[in-house]
């Protein structure tokens, strides 16, 4: 399949998936957990994060602190059972990550509606923003086999943290009926960034 990506600094991510539809439509929540003992911290650190269903946004290293964890609806019952069994306090800080992103984008559009705004250099991603995205990118295990859920989880994390410069988009369906997801990074950057495309497959990520 030949795909041409237009627009500034556009990264297209082609992902084929053998997962069921209910896995593709997983809702991701963010839990804030409050381990009060070192054993509870060690228990959380021992959770396998390679399954694509859980991602630690922040880890505490001391009892009495907190950790922020993004959990898929598929893994949520197991995670809740673990927290309750070991009496680890928690609360839900974001009930639906994707919905929050959509709401923030909608409010942004409503604020701009009816107002003509001239773009300034501040509307473009700064060097610091791009550097921070690069640091987050380093946490993803490129070059290794990754599942569909793991890749989408990574993209949603980027989109949540950097809504001004990152947007997760669905650019079509494969001939097998599987979704083709894309991520757009940046806005109207200088012309030298035009027509930049990087393609990924499930087995080889470069």
N, C-alpha and C. Protein backbone atom coordinates (compact mmCIF):
# COMPACT_ATOMS: atom_id res chain seq x y z
N UNK A 1 0.84 -1.19 0.00
CA UNK A 1 0.00 0.00 0.00
C UNK A 1 0.87 1.24 0.00
N UNK A 2 0.55 2.18 -0.84
CA UNK A 2 1.34 3.41 -0.93
C UNK A 2 0.55 4.52 -0.26
N UNK A 3 1.20 5.16 0.67
CA UNK A 3 0.52 6.18 1.44
C UNK A 3 1.34 7.45 1.42
N UNK A 4 0.73 8.56 1.09
CA UNK A 4 1.44 9.83 1.06
C UNK A 4 0.88 10.70 2.18
N UNK A 5 1.76 11.20 3.00
CA UNK A 5 1.35 12.00 4.14
C UNK A 5 1.67 13.46 3.89
N UNK A 6 0.66 14.31 3.96
CA UNK A 6 0.86 15.73 3.71
C UNK A 6 0.74 16.46 5.03
N UNK A 7 1.25 17.67 5.08
CA UNK A 7 1.15 18.49 6.28
C UNK A 7 2.48 18.57 6.98
N UNK A 8 2.58 19.54 7.90
CA UNK A 8 3.85 19.81 8.57
C UNK A 8 4.21 18.74 9.57
N UNK A 9 5.41 18.25 9.44
CA UNK A 9 6.00 17.33 10.43
C UNK A 9 5.02 16.23 10.78
N UNK A 10 4.48 15.54 9.78
CA UNK A 10 3.46 14.52 9.99
C UNK A 10 4.08 13.15 10.05
N UNK A 11 3.88 12.49 11.16
CA UNK A 11 4.36 11.13 11.32
C UNK A 11 3.18 10.20 11.18
N UNK A 12 3.28 9.24 10.26
CA UNK A 12 2.20 8.29 10.07
C UNK A 12 2.65 6.94 10.63
N UNK A 13 1.83 6.39 11.48
CA UNK A 13 2.15 5.11 12.10
C UNK A 13 1.17 4.08 11.59
N UNK A 14 1.69 3.11 10.82
CA UNK A 14 0.85 2.05 10.30
C UNK A 14 0.89 0.87 11.27
N UNK A 15 -0.23 0.53 11.82
CA UNK A 15 -0.30 -0.52 12.82
C UNK A 15 -1.31 -1.57 12.36
N UNK A 16 -0.88 -2.79 12.20
CA UNK A 16 -1.80 -3.89 11.94
C UNK A 16 -2.03 -4.63 13.24
N UNK A 17 -3.26 -5.09 13.44
CA UNK A 17 -3.59 -5.69 14.73
C UNK A 17 -4.40 -6.95 14.55
N UNK A 18 -4.09 -7.94 15.39
CA UNK A 18 -4.87 -9.18 15.41
C UNK A 18 -5.74 -9.23 16.65
N UNK A 19 -5.84 -8.11 17.36
CA UNK A 19 -6.63 -8.08 18.58
C UNK A 19 -8.11 -8.00 18.24
N UNK A 20 -8.95 -8.39 19.19
CA UNK A 20 -10.38 -8.31 19.04
C UNK A 20 -10.83 -6.86 19.12
N UNK A 21 -12.06 -6.61 18.67
CA UNK A 21 -12.56 -5.23 18.64
C UNK A 21 -12.65 -4.64 20.03
N UNK A 22 -13.01 -5.45 21.04
CA UNK A 22 -13.15 -4.91 22.39
C UNK A 22 -11.82 -4.47 22.95
N UNK A 23 -10.72 -5.06 22.50
CA UNK A 23 -9.40 -4.63 22.94
C UNK A 23 -9.03 -3.31 22.30
N UNK A 24 -9.41 -3.13 21.02
CA UNK A 24 -9.11 -1.90 20.32
C UNK A 24 -9.83 -0.73 20.96
N UNK A 25 -11.05 -0.97 21.48
CA UNK A 25 -11.87 0.09 22.04
C UNK A 25 -11.70 0.23 23.55
N UNK A 26 -10.63 -0.27 24.10
CA UNK A 26 -10.37 -0.15 25.53
C UNK A 26 -10.41 1.31 25.97
N UNK A 27 -10.98 1.51 27.16
CA UNK A 27 -10.96 2.82 27.79
C UNK A 27 -9.79 2.85 28.77
N UNK A 28 -9.00 3.90 28.71
CA UNK A 28 -7.84 4.02 29.59
C UNK A 28 -8.14 5.02 30.70
N UNK A 29 -7.92 4.60 31.94
CA UNK A 29 -8.09 5.45 33.11
C UNK A 29 -6.73 5.72 33.74
N UNK A 30 -6.68 6.77 34.54
CA UNK A 30 -5.47 7.05 35.32
C UNK A 30 -5.81 6.93 36.80
N UNK A 31 -5.10 6.02 37.47
CA UNK A 31 -5.25 5.82 38.91
C UNK A 31 -4.09 6.48 39.63
N UNK A 32 -4.40 7.11 40.76
CA UNK A 32 -3.35 7.60 41.66
C UNK A 32 -3.35 6.69 42.88
N UNK A 33 -2.26 5.98 43.08
CA UNK A 33 -2.17 5.02 44.19
C UNK A 33 -1.19 5.55 45.23
N UNK A 34 -1.46 5.21 46.50
CA UNK A 34 -0.69 5.77 47.62
C UNK A 34 -0.10 4.64 48.47
N UNK A 35 0.98 4.04 48.02
CA UNK A 35 1.61 2.98 48.83
C UNK A 35 2.15 3.55 50.14
N UNK A 36 1.84 2.87 51.24
CA UNK A 36 2.24 3.36 52.56
C UNK A 36 3.37 2.52 53.14
N UNK A 37 3.79 1.49 52.43
CA UNK A 37 4.87 0.63 52.90
C UNK A 37 5.79 0.29 51.74
N UNK A 38 7.04 0.01 52.05
CA UNK A 38 8.02 -0.33 51.02
C UNK A 38 7.60 -1.58 50.26
N UNK A 39 6.97 -2.53 50.96
CA UNK A 39 6.52 -3.76 50.30
C UNK A 39 5.49 -3.47 49.23
N UNK A 40 4.63 -2.48 49.46
CA UNK A 40 3.62 -2.11 48.46
C UNK A 40 4.27 -1.46 47.24
N UNK A 41 5.31 -0.67 47.46
CA UNK A 41 6.03 -0.06 46.34
C UNK A 41 6.70 -1.15 45.50
N UNK A 42 7.31 -2.11 46.17
CA UNK A 42 7.97 -3.21 45.46
C UNK A 42 6.95 -4.04 44.69
N UNK A 43 5.75 -4.19 45.25
CA UNK A 43 4.70 -4.93 44.56
C UNK A 43 4.30 -4.22 43.27
N UNK A 44 4.12 -2.91 43.33
CA UNK A 44 3.77 -2.14 42.14
C UNK A 44 4.89 -2.16 41.11
N UNK A 45 6.13 -2.08 41.58
CA UNK A 45 7.27 -2.11 40.66
C UNK A 45 7.39 -3.45 39.95
N UNK A 46 6.82 -4.49 40.55
CA UNK A 46 6.92 -5.82 39.95
C UNK A 46 5.87 -6.12 38.90
N UNK A 47 4.94 -5.18 38.68
CA UNK A 47 3.90 -5.40 37.67
C UNK A 47 4.53 -5.37 36.28
N UNK A 48 4.15 -6.31 35.45
CA UNK A 48 4.66 -6.38 34.08
C UNK A 48 4.03 -5.28 33.24
N UNK A 49 4.86 -4.32 32.80
CA UNK A 49 4.35 -3.19 32.02
C UNK A 49 4.50 -3.43 30.52
N UNK A 50 4.95 -4.62 30.14
CA UNK A 50 5.15 -4.92 28.72
C UNK A 50 3.90 -5.46 28.05
N UNK A 51 2.81 -5.59 28.81
CA UNK A 51 1.61 -6.16 28.21
C UNK A 51 0.75 -5.13 27.48
N UNK A 52 1.13 -3.85 27.53
CA UNK A 52 0.39 -2.82 26.81
C UNK A 52 -0.87 -2.37 27.49
N UNK A 53 -1.17 -2.91 28.67
CA UNK A 53 -2.41 -2.59 29.36
C UNK A 53 -2.17 -1.62 30.52
N UNK A 54 -0.95 -1.33 30.87
CA UNK A 54 -0.64 -0.50 32.02
C UNK A 54 0.60 0.33 31.72
N UNK A 55 0.59 1.57 32.21
CA UNK A 55 1.74 2.45 32.00
C UNK A 55 1.89 3.36 33.21
N UNK A 56 3.04 3.34 33.83
CA UNK A 56 3.31 4.21 34.97
C UNK A 56 3.73 5.58 34.47
N UNK A 57 2.90 6.58 34.73
CA UNK A 57 3.24 7.95 34.36
C UNK A 57 4.19 8.55 35.39
N UNK A 58 4.04 8.12 36.62
CA UNK A 58 4.93 8.60 37.68
C UNK A 58 5.04 7.50 38.74
N UNK A 59 6.24 7.24 39.19
CA UNK A 59 6.48 6.23 40.22
C UNK A 59 7.04 6.89 41.48
N UNK A 60 6.49 6.52 42.62
CA UNK A 60 7.06 6.97 43.88
C UNK A 60 8.11 5.96 44.34
N UNK A 61 9.10 6.44 45.03
CA UNK A 61 10.14 5.56 45.55
C UNK A 61 10.13 5.51 47.08
N UNK A 62 9.24 6.30 47.67
CA UNK A 62 9.18 6.35 49.14
C UNK A 62 7.75 6.12 49.62
N UNK A 63 7.57 5.37 50.70
CA UNK A 63 6.24 5.20 51.29
C UNK A 63 5.65 6.56 51.66
N UNK A 64 4.34 6.70 51.44
CA UNK A 64 3.68 7.96 51.71
C UNK A 64 3.55 8.84 50.50
N UNK A 65 4.23 8.48 49.41
CA UNK A 65 4.12 9.23 48.17
C UNK A 65 2.97 8.68 47.33
N UNK A 66 3.00 8.98 46.04
CA UNK A 66 1.96 8.46 45.16
C UNK A 66 2.56 8.13 43.80
N UNK A 67 1.86 7.24 43.09
CA UNK A 67 2.21 6.88 41.73
C UNK A 67 0.99 7.07 40.85
N UNK A 68 1.19 7.59 39.63
CA UNK A 68 0.11 7.73 38.66
C UNK A 68 0.25 6.62 37.63
N UNK A 69 -0.84 5.87 37.44
CA UNK A 69 -0.81 4.70 36.57
C UNK A 69 -1.98 4.75 35.59
N UNK A 70 -1.67 4.63 34.28
CA UNK A 70 -2.72 4.54 33.28
C UNK A 70 -3.05 3.07 33.04
N UNK A 71 -4.32 2.73 33.15
CA UNK A 71 -4.78 1.34 33.09
C UNK A 71 -5.85 1.18 32.02
N UNK A 72 -5.78 0.10 31.25
CA UNK A 72 -6.83 -0.20 30.29
C UNK A 72 -8.00 -0.84 31.01
N UNK A 73 -9.19 -0.75 30.42
CA UNK A 73 -10.37 -1.35 31.03
C UNK A 73 -10.26 -2.87 31.08
N UNK A 74 -9.45 -3.45 30.18
CA UNK A 74 -9.25 -4.90 30.20
C UNK A 74 -8.46 -5.34 31.43
N UNK A 75 -7.45 -4.57 31.79
CA UNK A 75 -6.57 -4.93 32.91
C UNK A 75 -7.09 -4.39 34.25
N UNK A 76 -8.07 -3.48 34.20
CA UNK A 76 -8.54 -2.81 35.41
C UNK A 76 -9.01 -3.75 36.52
N UNK A 77 -9.83 -4.79 36.24
CA UNK A 77 -10.26 -5.68 37.32
C UNK A 77 -9.10 -6.35 38.05
N UNK A 78 -8.07 -6.76 37.30
CA UNK A 78 -6.90 -7.39 37.91
C UNK A 78 -6.16 -6.39 38.79
N UNK A 79 -6.03 -5.16 38.29
CA UNK A 79 -5.32 -4.13 39.04
C UNK A 79 -6.06 -3.77 40.32
N UNK A 80 -7.39 -3.64 40.23
CA UNK A 80 -8.18 -3.32 41.42
C UNK A 80 -8.11 -4.44 42.45
N UNK A 81 -8.12 -5.68 41.98
CA UNK A 81 -8.01 -6.81 42.90
C UNK A 81 -6.69 -6.78 43.65
N UNK A 82 -5.62 -6.42 42.94
CA UNK A 82 -4.30 -6.34 43.58
C UNK A 82 -4.26 -5.22 44.61
N UNK A 83 -4.83 -4.05 44.28
CA UNK A 83 -4.83 -2.94 45.22
C UNK A 83 -5.63 -3.26 46.47
N UNK A 84 -6.80 -3.85 46.29
CA UNK A 84 -7.65 -4.17 47.44
C UNK A 84 -7.05 -5.27 48.30
N UNK A 85 -6.47 -6.27 47.66
CA UNK A 85 -5.89 -7.39 48.41
C UNK A 85 -4.75 -6.92 49.31
N UNK A 86 -3.95 -5.98 48.82
CA UNK A 86 -2.79 -5.52 49.58
C UNK A 86 -3.05 -4.17 50.27
N UNK A 87 -4.34 -3.75 50.27
CA UNK A 87 -4.77 -2.57 51.01
C UNK A 87 -3.96 -1.32 50.63
N UNK A 88 -3.85 -1.10 49.33
CA UNK A 88 -3.17 0.08 48.82
C UNK A 88 -4.21 1.15 48.48
N UNK A 89 -4.21 2.29 49.16
CA UNK A 89 -5.20 3.34 48.88
C UNK A 89 -5.04 3.87 47.45
N UNK A 90 -6.15 4.30 46.86
CA UNK A 90 -6.11 4.82 45.49
C UNK A 90 -7.33 5.68 45.22
N UNK A 91 -7.26 6.43 44.15
CA UNK A 91 -8.43 7.09 43.59
C UNK A 91 -8.22 7.25 42.09
N UNK A 92 -9.30 7.50 41.38
CA UNK A 92 -9.24 7.67 39.92
C UNK A 92 -9.16 9.16 39.63
N UNK A 93 -8.08 9.58 39.00
CA UNK A 93 -7.90 11.00 38.68
C UNK A 93 -8.41 11.34 37.27
N UNK A 94 -8.33 10.38 36.35
CA UNK A 94 -8.85 10.59 34.99
C UNK A 94 -9.66 9.36 34.59
N UNK A 95 -10.98 9.44 34.55
CA UNK A 95 -11.80 8.27 34.23
C UNK A 95 -11.73 7.83 32.77
N UNK A 96 -11.39 8.73 31.86
CA UNK A 96 -11.29 8.39 30.44
C UNK A 96 -10.28 9.33 29.79
N UNK A 97 -9.07 8.83 29.55
CA UNK A 97 -8.00 9.66 29.00
C UNK A 97 -8.37 10.23 27.63
N UNK A 98 -8.88 9.37 26.76
CA UNK A 98 -9.21 9.81 25.40
C UNK A 98 -10.32 10.86 25.41
N UNK A 99 -11.34 10.65 26.25
CA UNK A 99 -12.44 11.60 26.32
C UNK A 99 -11.98 12.95 26.84
N UNK A 100 -11.06 12.93 27.80
CA UNK A 100 -10.51 14.18 28.32
C UNK A 100 -9.78 14.95 27.23
N UNK A 101 -9.01 14.23 26.40
CA UNK A 101 -8.32 14.88 25.29
C UNK A 101 -9.31 15.53 24.34
N UNK A 102 -10.39 14.80 24.03
CA UNK A 102 -11.42 15.32 23.12
C UNK A 102 -12.08 16.56 23.71
N UNK A 103 -12.39 16.54 25.00
CA UNK A 103 -13.04 17.67 25.65
C UNK A 103 -12.13 18.90 25.66
N UNK A 104 -10.85 18.68 25.93
CA UNK A 104 -9.90 19.79 25.94
C UNK A 104 -9.79 20.41 24.55
N UNK A 105 -9.78 19.56 23.53
CA UNK A 105 -9.69 20.06 22.16
C UNK A 105 -10.96 20.81 21.79
N UNK A 106 -12.12 20.32 22.24
CA UNK A 106 -13.39 20.98 21.95
C UNK A 106 -13.44 22.35 22.60
N UNK A 107 -13.01 22.44 23.87
CA UNK A 107 -13.01 23.73 24.56
C UNK A 107 -12.07 24.72 23.87
N UNK A 108 -10.95 24.17 23.38
CA UNK A 108 -9.99 25.02 22.69
C UNK A 108 -10.61 25.62 21.43
N UNK A 109 -11.36 24.79 20.67
CA UNK A 109 -11.99 25.27 19.45
C UNK A 109 -13.09 26.28 19.77
N UNK A 110 -13.85 26.05 20.86
CA UNK A 110 -14.92 26.96 21.24
C UNK A 110 -14.36 28.32 21.65
N UNK A 111 -13.20 28.30 22.32
CA UNK A 111 -12.57 29.56 22.73
C UNK A 111 -12.12 30.38 21.52
N UNK A 112 -11.73 29.67 20.45
CA UNK A 112 -11.23 30.36 19.26
C UNK A 112 -12.33 30.72 18.28
N UNK A 113 -13.54 30.16 18.49
CA UNK A 113 -14.63 30.35 17.53
C UNK A 113 -15.03 31.83 17.46
N UNK A 114 -15.14 32.34 16.26
CA UNK A 114 -15.59 33.71 16.07
C UNK A 114 -14.52 34.75 16.30
N UNK A 115 -13.31 34.30 16.63
CA UNK A 115 -12.22 35.25 16.89
C UNK A 115 -11.08 35.03 15.91
N UNK A 116 -10.67 36.06 15.26
CA UNK A 116 -9.54 35.94 14.34
C UNK A 116 -8.26 36.20 15.12
N UNK A 117 -7.45 35.16 15.15
CA UNK A 117 -6.19 35.27 15.88
C UNK A 117 -5.03 35.12 14.91
N UNK A 118 -4.10 35.99 15.02
CA UNK A 118 -2.89 35.90 14.20
C UNK A 118 -1.89 35.00 14.90
N UNK A 119 -1.39 34.02 14.18
CA UNK A 119 -0.43 33.09 14.76
C UNK A 119 0.88 33.83 15.09
N UNK A 120 1.43 33.49 16.24
CA UNK A 120 2.70 34.03 16.67
C UNK A 120 3.67 32.88 16.83
N UNK A 121 4.96 33.17 16.96
CA UNK A 121 5.93 32.09 17.14
C UNK A 121 5.62 31.20 18.33
N UNK A 122 4.89 31.74 19.35
CA UNK A 122 4.58 30.94 20.53
C UNK A 122 3.61 29.81 20.22
N UNK A 123 2.89 29.87 19.09
CA UNK A 123 1.96 28.79 18.77
C UNK A 123 2.67 27.57 18.24
N UNK A 124 3.93 27.71 17.88
CA UNK A 124 4.69 26.57 17.40
C UNK A 124 5.34 25.86 18.57
N UNK A 125 5.55 24.56 18.47
CA UNK A 125 6.21 23.85 19.57
C UNK A 125 7.62 24.37 19.78
N UNK A 126 7.96 24.60 21.02
CA UNK A 126 9.29 25.13 21.33
C UNK A 126 10.31 24.00 21.31
N UNK A 127 11.58 24.38 21.33
CA UNK A 127 12.64 23.38 21.39
C UNK A 127 12.52 22.53 22.63
N UNK A 128 12.06 23.14 23.74
CA UNK A 128 11.90 22.40 24.99
C UNK A 128 10.81 21.35 24.86
N UNK A 129 9.67 21.72 24.19
CA UNK A 129 8.59 20.76 23.98
C UNK A 129 9.08 19.56 23.20
N UNK A 130 9.79 19.81 22.10
CA UNK A 130 10.26 18.72 21.25
C UNK A 130 11.27 17.86 21.99
N UNK A 131 12.09 18.50 22.81
CA UNK A 131 13.08 17.75 23.60
C UNK A 131 12.37 16.83 24.59
N UNK A 132 11.30 17.34 25.21
CA UNK A 132 10.55 16.54 26.18
C UNK A 132 9.88 15.36 25.50
N UNK A 133 9.32 15.59 24.30
CA UNK A 133 8.74 14.49 23.54
C UNK A 133 9.80 13.44 23.25
N UNK A 134 11.00 13.88 22.92
CA UNK A 134 12.09 12.94 22.64
C UNK A 134 12.43 12.10 23.84
N UNK A 135 12.39 12.70 25.04
CA UNK A 135 12.67 11.94 26.26
C UNK A 135 11.61 10.88 26.47
N UNK A 136 10.35 11.24 26.26
CA UNK A 136 9.26 10.28 26.42
C UNK A 136 9.38 9.17 25.39
N UNK A 137 9.78 9.54 24.17
CA UNK A 137 9.95 8.56 23.10
C UNK A 137 10.99 7.51 23.48
N UNK A 138 12.00 7.94 24.24
CA UNK A 138 13.07 7.03 24.62
C UNK A 138 12.57 5.91 25.54
N UNK A 139 11.44 6.15 26.20
CA UNK A 139 10.90 5.13 27.10
C UNK A 139 10.25 3.98 26.34
N UNK A 140 9.91 4.21 25.08
CA UNK A 140 9.27 3.17 24.28
C UNK A 140 10.35 2.28 23.66
N UNK A 141 10.14 0.99 23.67
CA UNK A 141 11.17 0.05 23.23
C UNK A 141 11.14 -0.11 21.71
N UNK A 142 11.65 0.88 21.02
CA UNK A 142 11.75 0.80 19.57
C UNK A 142 12.78 -0.28 19.21
N UNK A 143 12.54 -0.96 18.09
CA UNK A 143 13.43 -2.02 17.68
C UNK A 143 13.01 -3.38 18.19
N UNK A 144 11.98 -3.40 19.06
CA UNK A 144 11.47 -4.66 19.58
C UNK A 144 10.03 -4.85 19.14
N UNK A 145 9.59 -6.10 19.15
CA UNK A 145 8.20 -6.41 18.80
C UNK A 145 7.27 -5.79 19.83
N UNK A 146 6.29 -5.05 19.37
CA UNK A 146 5.32 -4.43 20.27
C UNK A 146 3.90 -4.73 19.79
N UNK A 147 3.01 -4.88 20.75
CA UNK A 147 1.61 -5.16 20.41
C UNK A 147 0.90 -3.89 19.99
N UNK A 148 -0.26 -4.06 19.37
CA UNK A 148 -1.08 -2.92 18.98
C UNK A 148 -1.42 -2.06 20.19
N UNK A 149 -1.84 -2.73 21.28
CA UNK A 149 -2.24 -2.00 22.49
C UNK A 149 -1.10 -1.19 23.06
N UNK A 150 0.12 -1.75 23.03
CA UNK A 150 1.28 -1.04 23.58
C UNK A 150 1.58 0.22 22.77
N UNK A 151 1.49 0.12 21.45
CA UNK A 151 1.78 1.27 20.59
C UNK A 151 0.74 2.36 20.75
N UNK A 152 -0.55 1.97 20.78
CA UNK A 152 -1.61 2.96 20.94
C UNK A 152 -1.53 3.60 22.32
N UNK A 153 -1.18 2.80 23.34
CA UNK A 153 -1.03 3.34 24.69
C UNK A 153 0.06 4.41 24.71
N UNK A 154 1.16 4.13 24.02
CA UNK A 154 2.27 5.09 23.95
C UNK A 154 1.83 6.38 23.26
N UNK A 155 1.09 6.25 22.16
CA UNK A 155 0.64 7.43 21.43
C UNK A 155 -0.35 8.24 22.25
N UNK A 156 -1.25 7.55 22.98
CA UNK A 156 -2.21 8.27 23.81
C UNK A 156 -1.51 9.02 24.93
N UNK A 157 -0.45 8.44 25.45
CA UNK A 157 0.32 9.11 26.49
C UNK A 157 0.93 10.40 25.95
N UNK A 158 1.52 10.33 24.75
CA UNK A 158 2.08 11.53 24.12
C UNK A 158 1.00 12.57 23.87
N UNK A 159 -0.15 12.12 23.36
CA UNK A 159 -1.22 13.05 23.05
C UNK A 159 -1.74 13.74 24.30
N UNK A 160 -1.80 12.99 25.41
CA UNK A 160 -2.30 13.57 26.66
C UNK A 160 -1.35 14.63 27.20
N UNK A 161 -0.04 14.33 27.18
CA UNK A 161 0.94 15.24 27.74
C UNK A 161 1.19 16.44 26.84
N UNK A 162 1.08 16.26 25.52
CA UNK A 162 1.42 17.33 24.60
C UNK A 162 0.27 17.58 23.60
N UNK A 163 -0.92 17.96 24.10
CA UNK A 163 -2.08 18.12 23.19
C UNK A 163 -1.90 19.21 22.15
N UNK A 164 -0.99 20.17 22.40
CA UNK A 164 -0.80 21.26 21.44
C UNK A 164 0.02 20.83 20.22
N UNK A 165 0.79 19.77 20.37
CA UNK A 165 1.67 19.39 19.26
C UNK A 165 1.52 17.94 18.83
N UNK A 166 0.70 17.15 19.55
CA UNK A 166 0.53 15.73 19.21
C UNK A 166 -0.95 15.41 19.10
N UNK A 167 -1.33 14.73 18.02
CA UNK A 167 -2.72 14.32 17.85
C UNK A 167 -2.77 12.92 17.25
N UNK A 168 -3.51 12.04 17.90
CA UNK A 168 -3.71 10.68 17.40
C UNK A 168 -4.88 10.69 16.43
N UNK A 169 -4.65 10.16 15.22
CA UNK A 169 -5.68 10.18 14.18
C UNK A 169 -5.82 8.79 13.56
N UNK A 170 -6.99 8.49 13.07
CA UNK A 170 -7.21 7.26 12.31
C UNK A 170 -7.27 7.63 10.83
N UNK A 171 -6.32 7.11 10.06
CA UNK A 171 -6.21 7.53 8.67
C UNK A 171 -6.83 6.54 7.69
N UNK A 172 -7.41 5.47 8.20
CA UNK A 172 -8.07 4.53 7.31
C UNK A 172 -8.08 3.12 7.87
N UNK A 173 -8.45 2.18 7.01
CA UNK A 173 -8.49 0.77 7.37
C UNK A 173 -7.69 -0.02 6.35
N UNK A 174 -7.06 -1.10 6.81
CA UNK A 174 -6.32 -1.96 5.89
C UNK A 174 -7.29 -2.83 5.12
N UNK A 175 -6.78 -3.55 4.10
CA UNK A 175 -7.65 -4.40 3.31
C UNK A 175 -8.19 -5.56 4.14
N UNK A 176 -7.57 -5.80 5.30
CA UNK A 176 -8.05 -6.85 6.20
C UNK A 176 -9.05 -6.32 7.22
N UNK A 177 -9.38 -5.04 7.11
CA UNK A 177 -10.34 -4.45 8.03
C UNK A 177 -9.76 -4.00 9.34
N UNK A 178 -8.43 -3.88 9.43
CA UNK A 178 -7.78 -3.44 10.66
C UNK A 178 -7.51 -1.94 10.60
N UNK A 179 -7.58 -1.26 11.75
CA UNK A 179 -7.39 0.19 11.75
C UNK A 179 -5.96 0.59 11.44
N UNK A 180 -5.82 1.70 10.72
CA UNK A 180 -4.51 2.28 10.46
C UNK A 180 -4.45 3.59 11.24
N UNK A 181 -3.67 3.59 12.30
CA UNK A 181 -3.58 4.75 13.18
C UNK A 181 -2.41 5.62 12.78
N UNK A 182 -2.55 6.91 12.98
CA UNK A 182 -1.48 7.85 12.70
C UNK A 182 -1.32 8.83 13.84
N UNK A 183 -0.16 9.43 13.93
CA UNK A 183 0.05 10.48 14.94
C UNK A 183 0.65 11.69 14.25
N UNK A 184 0.02 12.83 14.43
CA UNK A 184 0.49 14.07 13.84
C UNK A 184 1.22 14.85 14.93
N UNK A 185 2.46 15.20 14.65
CA UNK A 185 3.29 15.92 15.61
C UNK A 185 3.61 17.30 15.06
N UNK A 186 3.22 18.34 15.77
CA UNK A 186 3.54 19.70 15.36
C UNK A 186 2.40 20.34 14.60
N UNK A 187 2.55 21.62 14.37
CA UNK A 187 1.56 22.37 13.61
C UNK A 187 2.20 22.86 12.32
N UNK A 188 2.07 24.13 12.04
CA UNK A 188 2.62 24.65 10.79
C UNK A 188 4.08 25.03 10.99
N UNK A 189 4.93 24.02 11.02
CA UNK A 189 6.35 24.25 11.19
C UNK A 189 6.95 24.72 9.87
N UNK A 190 8.18 25.23 9.90
CA UNK A 190 8.82 25.71 8.65
C UNK A 190 8.82 24.66 7.56
N UNK A 191 8.93 25.13 6.31
CA UNK A 191 8.80 24.27 5.15
C UNK A 191 9.75 23.09 5.13
N UNK A 192 10.91 23.23 5.77
CA UNK A 192 11.88 22.14 5.70
C UNK A 192 11.38 20.89 6.42
N UNK A 193 10.32 21.03 7.24
CA UNK A 193 9.77 19.87 7.94
C UNK A 193 8.64 19.22 7.15
N UNK A 194 8.30 19.77 5.98
CA UNK A 194 7.15 19.27 5.23
C UNK A 194 7.40 17.86 4.71
N UNK A 195 6.31 17.12 4.60
CA UNK A 195 6.32 15.80 3.97
C UNK A 195 7.33 14.85 4.60
N UNK A 196 7.45 14.89 5.92
CA UNK A 196 8.29 13.94 6.63
C UNK A 196 7.40 12.81 7.10
N UNK A 197 7.73 11.59 6.72
CA UNK A 197 6.89 10.45 7.09
C UNK A 197 7.76 9.31 7.56
N UNK A 198 7.36 8.71 8.66
CA UNK A 198 8.06 7.55 9.19
C UNK A 198 7.04 6.44 9.35
N UNK A 199 7.32 5.28 8.78
CA UNK A 199 6.38 4.18 8.83
C UNK A 199 6.88 3.09 9.77
N UNK A 200 5.93 2.53 10.49
CA UNK A 200 6.24 1.48 11.44
C UNK A 200 5.42 0.24 11.07
N UNK A 201 5.92 -0.92 11.40
CA UNK A 201 5.13 -2.14 11.33
C UNK A 201 5.10 -2.73 12.72
N UNK A 202 4.32 -3.77 12.90
CA UNK A 202 4.20 -4.35 14.23
C UNK A 202 5.49 -5.04 14.63
N UNK A 203 6.24 -5.58 13.67
CA UNK A 203 7.39 -6.39 14.03
C UNK A 203 8.71 -5.61 14.05
N UNK A 204 8.78 -4.54 13.25
CA UNK A 204 10.01 -3.77 13.20
C UNK A 204 9.67 -2.32 13.43
N UNK A 205 10.17 -1.73 14.51
CA UNK A 205 9.94 -0.33 14.82
C UNK A 205 11.28 0.38 14.78
N UNK A 206 11.42 1.36 13.90
CA UNK A 206 12.70 2.06 13.77
C UNK A 206 12.52 3.51 14.19
